[in-house]
Amino acid sequence: MASYSGVFRAGVSYKHQAALTTTPQVFPLTKDATNAPTSAAVPTYAELKQLNVQIDTIAGGASSVLYFLAADPAGDIPLTNQGTANILLGTTTATQGAAIDCIDLDYHFQQLAVETVGTVYIIIWLNAGTANANIRLHWRA
């Protein structure tokens, strides 16, 4: 069995253009060679550090992102508590911005039947309105 003994590399797992609404939705965070060539699969042992939700086409009064991470695509095995991150709007437009939150979680892939190696899932929704998001999970392994 492998053991974790410190940081050897850092990376980002990614989801491209997730359509967000006020209804919780599940999206995979993993390697996306097409839309984020430097992204990578989530390591089997990692420190999940930060969530960066880059948002565009904000409409309907969205001001915060709510989320939690899960081990499975149904969102039935949460890895984190629910988090809330305020949307910081850009300086030149009210329809673009980002929501950033620190996670700081030791993650260990457990090989459960419902897990996918290299992927964690984000269950994410808005407090109001709609938006599109490029979601980045920063980690260290």
N, C-alpha and C. Protein backbone atom coordinates (compact mmCIF):
# COMPACT_ATOMS: atom_id res chain seq x y z
N MET A 1 0.84 -1.18 0.00
CA MET A 1 0.00 0.00 0.00
C MET A 1 0.89 1.24 0.00
N ALA A 2 0.58 2.18 -0.87
CA ALA A 2 1.35 3.43 -0.95
C ALA A 2 1.06 4.29 0.27
N SER A 3 2.03 5.10 0.64
CA SER A 3 1.81 6.01 1.76
C SER A 3 2.17 7.42 1.33
N TYR A 4 1.52 8.38 1.93
CA TYR A 4 1.75 9.77 1.61
C TYR A 4 2.85 10.32 2.50
N SER A 5 3.86 10.92 1.91
CA SER A 5 4.98 11.41 2.72
C SER A 5 5.42 12.81 2.33
N GLY A 6 4.48 13.66 1.91
CA GLY A 6 4.80 15.03 1.62
C GLY A 6 4.45 15.42 0.19
N VAL A 7 4.66 16.69 -0.12
CA VAL A 7 4.29 17.23 -1.42
C VAL A 7 5.39 16.97 -2.45
N PHE A 8 5.03 16.34 -3.55
CA PHE A 8 5.96 16.10 -4.64
C PHE A 8 5.58 16.88 -5.89
N ARG A 9 4.28 17.18 -6.03
CA ARG A 9 3.82 17.95 -7.17
C ARG A 9 2.51 18.63 -6.83
N ALA A 10 2.16 19.63 -7.61
CA ALA A 10 0.89 20.34 -7.47
C ALA A 10 0.18 20.28 -8.81
N GLY A 11 -1.13 20.36 -8.77
CA GLY A 11 -1.88 20.29 -10.02
C GLY A 11 -3.29 20.84 -9.88
N VAL A 12 -3.99 20.78 -11.00
CA VAL A 12 -5.36 21.27 -11.09
C VAL A 12 -6.19 20.23 -11.84
N SER A 13 -7.34 19.90 -11.28
CA SER A 13 -8.32 19.08 -11.98
C SER A 13 -9.46 20.01 -12.39
N TYR A 14 -10.16 19.70 -13.48
CA TYR A 14 -10.93 20.73 -14.18
C TYR A 14 -12.28 20.24 -14.69
N LYS A 15 -13.23 21.16 -14.73
CA LYS A 15 -14.50 20.97 -15.44
C LYS A 15 -14.75 22.20 -16.27
N HIS A 16 -14.99 22.02 -17.57
CA HIS A 16 -15.17 23.12 -18.51
C HIS A 16 -16.64 23.46 -18.70
N GLN A 17 -16.97 24.73 -18.60
CA GLN A 17 -18.29 25.29 -18.90
C GLN A 17 -19.45 24.49 -18.31
N ALA A 18 -19.45 24.40 -17.00
CA ALA A 18 -20.57 23.80 -16.27
C ALA A 18 -21.70 24.81 -16.19
N ALA A 19 -22.89 24.43 -16.59
CA ALA A 19 -24.06 25.30 -16.52
C ALA A 19 -24.63 25.24 -15.10
N LEU A 20 -24.56 26.37 -14.38
CA LEU A 20 -25.01 26.42 -12.99
C LEU A 20 -26.39 27.05 -12.88
N THR A 21 -27.19 26.50 -11.98
CA THR A 21 -28.51 27.03 -11.65
C THR A 21 -28.68 26.96 -10.13
N THR A 22 -29.89 27.14 -9.65
CA THR A 22 -30.16 27.03 -8.21
C THR A 22 -30.40 25.59 -7.78
N THR A 23 -30.36 24.66 -8.72
CA THR A 23 -30.52 23.24 -8.43
C THR A 23 -29.15 22.58 -8.34
N PRO A 24 -28.85 21.85 -7.26
CA PRO A 24 -27.56 21.17 -7.17
C PRO A 24 -27.35 20.21 -8.35
N GLN A 25 -26.17 20.31 -8.97
CA GLN A 25 -25.80 19.45 -10.09
C GLN A 25 -24.42 18.86 -9.82
N VAL A 26 -24.16 17.71 -10.42
CA VAL A 26 -22.90 16.99 -10.20
C VAL A 26 -22.04 17.09 -11.46
N PHE A 27 -20.76 17.45 -11.26
CA PHE A 27 -19.81 17.53 -12.36
C PHE A 27 -18.50 16.85 -11.94
N PRO A 28 -17.85 16.12 -12.86
CA PRO A 28 -16.56 15.51 -12.54
C PRO A 28 -15.44 16.54 -12.59
N LEU A 29 -14.49 16.41 -11.69
CA LEU A 29 -13.26 17.21 -11.71
C LEU A 29 -12.12 16.24 -11.95
N THR A 30 -11.45 16.39 -13.09
CA THR A 30 -10.39 15.45 -13.48
C THR A 30 -9.54 16.09 -14.58
N LYS A 31 -8.81 15.31 -15.30
CA LYS A 31 -8.00 15.79 -16.43
C LYS A 31 -8.91 16.12 -17.61
N ASP A 32 -8.66 17.27 -18.24
CA ASP A 32 -9.38 17.68 -19.45
C ASP A 32 -8.33 18.18 -20.44
N ALA A 33 -7.78 17.26 -21.22
CA ALA A 33 -6.68 17.59 -22.13
C ALA A 33 -7.10 18.55 -23.23
N THR A 34 -8.37 18.60 -23.56
CA THR A 34 -8.85 19.48 -24.63
C THR A 34 -8.97 20.92 -24.17
N ASN A 35 -9.66 21.15 -23.05
CA ASN A 35 -9.97 22.52 -22.61
C ASN A 35 -8.99 23.08 -21.59
N ALA A 36 -8.23 22.23 -20.94
CA ALA A 36 -7.24 22.66 -19.95
C ALA A 36 -6.05 21.71 -20.04
N PRO A 37 -5.20 21.89 -21.06
CA PRO A 37 -4.12 20.94 -21.32
C PRO A 37 -3.19 20.66 -20.14
N THR A 38 -3.05 21.59 -19.22
CA THR A 38 -2.17 21.34 -18.08
C THR A 38 -2.90 20.74 -16.89
N SER A 39 -4.19 20.46 -17.04
CA SER A 39 -4.93 19.83 -15.94
C SER A 39 -4.48 18.38 -15.78
N ALA A 40 -4.86 17.78 -14.65
CA ALA A 40 -4.44 16.40 -14.36
C ALA A 40 -5.53 15.68 -13.57
N ALA A 41 -5.48 14.36 -13.62
CA ALA A 41 -6.37 13.55 -12.80
C ALA A 41 -6.04 13.77 -11.33
N VAL A 42 -7.03 13.64 -10.47
CA VAL A 42 -6.81 13.76 -9.04
C VAL A 42 -5.98 12.56 -8.57
N PRO A 43 -4.86 12.78 -7.90
CA PRO A 43 -4.04 11.66 -7.42
C PRO A 43 -4.79 10.82 -6.39
N THR A 44 -4.36 9.58 -6.21
CA THR A 44 -5.02 8.71 -5.24
C THR A 44 -4.77 9.16 -3.80
N TYR A 45 -3.66 9.85 -3.55
CA TYR A 45 -3.38 10.47 -2.27
C TYR A 45 -3.03 11.91 -2.55
N ALA A 46 -3.81 12.85 -1.98
CA ALA A 46 -3.57 14.26 -2.28
C ALA A 46 -4.11 15.14 -1.17
N GLU A 47 -3.63 16.37 -1.14
CA GLU A 47 -4.21 17.43 -0.32
C GLU A 47 -5.05 18.27 -1.27
N LEU A 48 -6.36 18.25 -1.11
CA LEU A 48 -7.23 19.11 -1.90
C LEU A 48 -7.18 20.48 -1.24
N LYS A 49 -6.73 21.49 -1.99
CA LYS A 49 -6.39 22.76 -1.38
C LYS A 49 -7.40 23.88 -1.62
N GLN A 50 -7.81 24.08 -2.87
CA GLN A 50 -8.61 25.25 -3.17
C GLN A 50 -9.55 24.97 -4.34
N LEU A 51 -10.70 25.61 -4.29
CA LEU A 51 -11.66 25.55 -5.38
C LEU A 51 -11.74 26.94 -6.00
N ASN A 52 -11.59 27.01 -7.32
CA ASN A 52 -11.69 28.27 -8.04
C ASN A 52 -12.76 28.09 -9.11
N VAL A 53 -13.87 28.81 -8.95
CA VAL A 53 -14.99 28.73 -9.88
C VAL A 53 -15.01 30.02 -10.69
N GLN A 54 -14.45 29.97 -11.90
CA GLN A 54 -14.41 31.13 -12.78
C GLN A 54 -15.74 31.20 -13.51
N ILE A 55 -16.47 32.29 -13.33
CA ILE A 55 -17.86 32.38 -13.78
C ILE A 55 -18.02 33.43 -14.87
N ASP A 56 -18.85 33.09 -15.86
CA ASP A 56 -19.25 34.09 -16.85
C ASP A 56 -20.75 33.96 -17.10
N THR A 57 -21.30 34.84 -17.88
CA THR A 57 -22.74 34.91 -18.19
C THR A 57 -23.60 34.86 -16.93
N ILE A 58 -23.19 35.58 -15.90
CA ILE A 58 -23.96 35.64 -14.66
C ILE A 58 -25.27 36.38 -14.93
N ALA A 59 -26.38 35.78 -14.51
CA ALA A 59 -27.69 36.39 -14.70
C ALA A 59 -28.58 36.07 -13.51
N GLY A 60 -29.59 36.89 -13.30
CA GLY A 60 -30.60 36.61 -12.28
C GLY A 60 -30.18 36.83 -10.85
N GLY A 61 -29.17 37.64 -10.62
CA GLY A 61 -28.80 38.00 -9.26
C GLY A 61 -27.93 37.01 -8.51
N ALA A 62 -27.25 36.11 -9.20
CA ALA A 62 -26.35 35.18 -8.52
C ALA A 62 -25.26 35.95 -7.79
N SER A 63 -25.08 35.64 -6.48
CA SER A 63 -24.05 36.32 -5.71
C SER A 63 -23.17 35.35 -4.92
N SER A 64 -23.55 34.07 -4.90
CA SER A 64 -22.70 33.08 -4.23
C SER A 64 -22.87 31.70 -4.85
N VAL A 65 -21.82 30.90 -4.66
CA VAL A 65 -21.78 29.52 -5.12
C VAL A 65 -21.81 28.63 -3.88
N LEU A 66 -22.63 27.61 -3.90
CA LEU A 66 -22.69 26.62 -2.84
C LEU A 66 -22.21 25.30 -3.42
N TYR A 67 -21.51 24.50 -2.62
CA TYR A 67 -20.92 23.29 -3.18
C TYR A 67 -20.53 22.31 -2.08
N PHE A 68 -20.28 21.07 -2.48
CA PHE A 68 -19.50 20.12 -1.69
C PHE A 68 -18.86 19.15 -2.67
N LEU A 69 -17.79 18.51 -2.25
CA LEU A 69 -17.12 17.51 -3.06
C LEU A 69 -17.58 16.13 -2.63
N ALA A 70 -17.66 15.22 -3.59
CA ALA A 70 -18.09 13.86 -3.31
C ALA A 70 -17.18 12.86 -4.01
N ALA A 71 -17.18 11.64 -3.50
CA ALA A 71 -16.36 10.57 -4.07
C ALA A 71 -17.05 9.88 -5.25
N ASP A 72 -18.35 10.07 -5.38
CA ASP A 72 -19.12 9.31 -6.37
C ASP A 72 -19.95 10.24 -7.26
N PRO A 73 -20.31 9.79 -8.46
CA PRO A 73 -21.04 10.64 -9.40
C PRO A 73 -22.49 10.93 -9.00
N ALA A 74 -23.02 10.23 -8.01
CA ALA A 74 -24.37 10.53 -7.53
C ALA A 74 -24.34 11.60 -6.43
N GLY A 75 -23.16 11.87 -5.87
CA GLY A 75 -23.05 12.82 -4.78
C GLY A 75 -23.51 12.25 -3.45
N ASP A 76 -23.53 10.93 -3.32
CA ASP A 76 -24.01 10.29 -2.11
C ASP A 76 -22.92 10.03 -1.07
N ILE A 77 -21.65 10.20 -1.45
CA ILE A 77 -20.54 9.99 -0.52
C ILE A 77 -19.74 11.30 -0.44
N PRO A 78 -20.24 12.27 0.38
CA PRO A 78 -19.55 13.55 0.49
C PRO A 78 -18.13 13.40 1.03
N LEU A 79 -17.23 14.21 0.49
CA LEU A 79 -15.85 14.28 0.98
C LEU A 79 -15.63 15.52 1.84
N THR A 80 -16.47 16.54 1.64
CA THR A 80 -16.34 17.80 2.37
C THR A 80 -17.69 18.21 2.93
N ASN A 81 -17.66 19.13 3.85
CA ASN A 81 -18.89 19.79 4.27
C ASN A 81 -19.33 20.74 3.16
N GLN A 82 -20.55 21.19 3.24
CA GLN A 82 -21.02 22.18 2.27
C GLN A 82 -20.25 23.48 2.46
N GLY A 83 -19.80 24.05 1.35
CA GLY A 83 -19.12 25.33 1.38
C GLY A 83 -19.92 26.38 0.63
N THR A 84 -19.68 27.63 0.98
CA THR A 84 -20.29 28.76 0.28
C THR A 84 -19.19 29.76 -0.02
N ALA A 85 -19.13 30.21 -1.26
CA ALA A 85 -18.14 31.21 -1.66
C ALA A 85 -18.85 32.34 -2.38
N ASN A 86 -18.60 33.56 -1.94
CA ASN A 86 -19.19 34.71 -2.61
C ASN A 86 -18.57 34.90 -3.98
N ILE A 87 -19.36 35.37 -4.91
CA ILE A 87 -18.88 35.67 -6.26
C ILE A 87 -18.29 37.07 -6.25
N LEU A 88 -17.02 37.17 -6.56
CA LEU A 88 -16.35 38.46 -6.71
C LEU A 88 -16.44 38.83 -8.18
N LEU A 89 -17.14 39.91 -8.48
CA LEU A 89 -17.31 40.32 -9.87
C LEU A 89 -16.05 40.98 -10.40
N GLY A 90 -15.87 40.89 -11.72
CA GLY A 90 -14.74 41.53 -12.37
C GLY A 90 -14.86 43.05 -12.29
N THR A 91 -13.80 43.75 -12.63
CA THR A 91 -13.79 45.21 -12.50
C THR A 91 -14.47 45.92 -13.65
N THR A 92 -14.66 45.25 -14.79
CA THR A 92 -15.24 45.93 -15.95
C THR A 92 -16.59 45.39 -16.37
N THR A 93 -17.06 44.30 -15.77
CA THR A 93 -18.36 43.75 -16.16
C THR A 93 -19.02 43.07 -14.96
N ALA A 94 -20.33 43.16 -14.91
CA ALA A 94 -21.09 42.53 -13.83
C ALA A 94 -21.52 41.11 -14.18
N THR A 95 -21.06 40.60 -15.32
CA THR A 95 -21.47 39.25 -15.73
C THR A 95 -20.32 38.25 -15.68
N GLN A 96 -19.17 38.68 -15.16
CA GLN A 96 -18.02 37.77 -15.02
C GLN A 96 -17.40 37.95 -13.65
N GLY A 97 -16.82 36.87 -13.15
CA GLY A 97 -16.16 36.93 -11.86
C GLY A 97 -15.65 35.57 -11.45
N ALA A 98 -15.45 35.41 -10.14
CA ALA A 98 -14.98 34.13 -9.62
C ALA A 98 -15.43 33.95 -8.18
N ALA A 99 -15.59 32.70 -7.81
CA ALA A 99 -15.85 32.32 -6.42
C ALA A 99 -14.71 31.40 -6.01
N ILE A 100 -14.03 31.73 -4.93
CA ILE A 100 -12.84 31.00 -4.51
C ILE A 100 -13.02 30.57 -3.06
N ASP A 101 -12.69 29.31 -2.78
CA ASP A 101 -12.82 28.81 -1.41
C ASP A 101 -11.67 27.85 -1.12
N CYS A 102 -11.17 27.89 0.11
CA CYS A 102 -10.14 26.96 0.55
C CYS A 102 -10.80 25.69 1.07
N ILE A 103 -10.20 24.55 0.75
CA ILE A 103 -10.75 23.27 1.16
C ILE A 103 -9.88 22.63 2.23
N ASP A 104 -8.60 22.45 1.93
CA ASP A 104 -7.61 21.89 2.86
C ASP A 104 -8.05 20.53 3.42
N LEU A 105 -8.13 19.54 2.54
CA LEU A 105 -8.58 18.21 2.89
C LEU A 105 -7.56 17.17 2.45
N ASP A 106 -7.22 16.24 3.31
CA ASP A 106 -6.42 15.08 2.92
C ASP A 106 -7.36 14.09 2.24
N TYR A 107 -7.09 13.78 0.98
CA TYR A 107 -7.94 12.90 0.20
C TYR A 107 -7.22 11.58 -0.05
N HIS A 108 -7.94 10.48 0.12
CA HIS A 108 -7.41 9.15 -0.13
C HIS A 108 -8.42 8.36 -0.92
N PHE A 109 -8.09 8.00 -2.14
CA PHE A 109 -8.94 7.14 -2.96
C PHE A 109 -9.07 5.79 -2.29
N GLN A 110 -10.31 5.30 -2.11
CA GLN A 110 -10.52 4.07 -1.34
C GLN A 110 -10.93 2.86 -2.18
N GLN A 111 -11.03 3.01 -3.46
CA GLN A 111 -11.40 1.93 -4.37
C GLN A 111 -12.79 1.37 -4.09
N LEU A 112 -13.71 2.22 -3.67
CA LEU A 112 -15.10 1.81 -3.53
C LEU A 112 -15.68 1.59 -4.92
N ALA A 113 -16.67 0.75 -5.03
CA ALA A 113 -17.24 0.41 -6.34
C ALA A 113 -17.78 1.64 -7.06
N VAL A 114 -18.24 2.66 -6.33
CA VAL A 114 -18.83 3.84 -6.97
C VAL A 114 -17.81 4.92 -7.30
N GLU A 115 -16.56 4.77 -6.89
CA GLU A 115 -15.54 5.78 -7.16
C GLU A 115 -14.90 5.57 -8.53
N THR A 116 -14.38 6.65 -9.08
CA THR A 116 -13.64 6.61 -10.33
C THR A 116 -12.23 7.11 -10.05
N VAL A 117 -11.23 6.29 -10.30
CA VAL A 117 -9.86 6.71 -10.03
C VAL A 117 -9.54 7.96 -10.86
N GLY A 118 -8.92 8.95 -10.22
CA GLY A 118 -8.53 10.18 -10.90
C GLY A 118 -9.61 11.25 -10.94
N THR A 119 -10.75 10.99 -10.32
CA THR A 119 -11.87 11.94 -10.39
C THR A 119 -12.52 12.10 -9.03
N VAL A 120 -12.77 13.35 -8.65
CA VAL A 120 -13.72 13.65 -7.58
C VAL A 120 -14.85 14.43 -8.22
N TYR A 121 -15.96 14.52 -7.55
CA TYR A 121 -17.15 15.15 -8.12
C TYR A 121 -17.54 16.36 -7.28
N ILE A 122 -17.92 17.42 -7.97
CA ILE A 122 -18.41 18.59 -7.28
C ILE A 122 -19.92 18.66 -7.46
N ILE A 123 -20.60 18.85 -6.35
CA ILE A 123 -22.04 19.12 -6.37
C ILE A 123 -22.13 20.62 -6.12
N ILE A 124 -22.68 21.35 -7.08
CA ILE A 124 -22.57 22.80 -7.06
C ILE A 124 -23.87 23.44 -7.52
N TRP A 125 -24.19 24.59 -6.93
CA TRP A 125 -25.37 25.35 -7.32
C TRP A 125 -25.19 26.81 -6.90
N LEU A 126 -26.08 27.66 -7.38
CA LEU A 126 -26.05 29.09 -7.10
C LEU A 126 -27.15 29.45 -6.11
N ASN A 127 -26.98 30.57 -5.41
CA ASN A 127 -28.02 31.04 -4.51
C ASN A 127 -29.20 31.64 -5.28
N ALA A 128 -28.94 32.09 -6.52
CA ALA A 128 -29.99 32.68 -7.37
C ALA A 128 -29.47 32.69 -8.80
N GLY A 129 -30.36 32.74 -9.76
CA GLY A 129 -29.99 32.95 -11.15
C GLY A 129 -29.28 31.79 -11.82
N THR A 130 -28.49 32.16 -12.85
CA THR A 130 -27.77 31.18 -13.65
C THR A 130 -26.39 31.73 -14.00
N ALA A 131 -25.49 30.84 -14.41
CA ALA A 131 -24.16 31.23 -14.86
C ALA A 131 -23.48 30.01 -15.46
N ASN A 132 -22.43 30.24 -16.21
CA ASN A 132 -21.54 29.17 -16.69
C ASN A 132 -20.25 29.26 -15.91
N ALA A 133 -19.62 28.11 -15.66
CA ALA A 133 -18.42 28.12 -14.82
C ALA A 133 -17.36 27.18 -15.36
N ASN A 134 -16.12 27.62 -15.28
CA ASN A 134 -14.95 26.76 -15.45
C ASN A 134 -14.44 26.51 -14.04
N ILE A 135 -14.44 25.24 -13.63
CA ILE A 135 -14.17 24.90 -12.23
C ILE A 135 -12.81 24.24 -12.13
N ARG A 136 -11.99 24.77 -11.22
CA ARG A 136 -10.64 24.24 -11.00
C ARG A 136 -10.50 23.80 -9.54
N LEU A 137 -10.07 22.57 -9.37
CA LEU A 137 -9.74 22.04 -8.05
C LEU A 137 -8.23 21.97 -7.95
N HIS A 138 -7.62 22.79 -7.10
CA HIS A 138 -6.17 22.80 -6.91
C HIS A 138 -5.81 21.77 -5.84
N TRP A 139 -4.75 21.00 -6.10
CA TRP A 139 -4.31 19.98 -5.16
C TRP A 139 -2.80 19.86 -5.14
N ARG A 140 -2.32 19.21 -4.10
CA ARG A 140 -0.91 18.87 -3.97
C ARG A 140 -0.81 17.38 -3.66
N ALA A 141 0.21 16.75 -4.20
CA ALA A 141 0.38 15.32 -3.94
C ALA A 141 1.84 15.00 -3.67
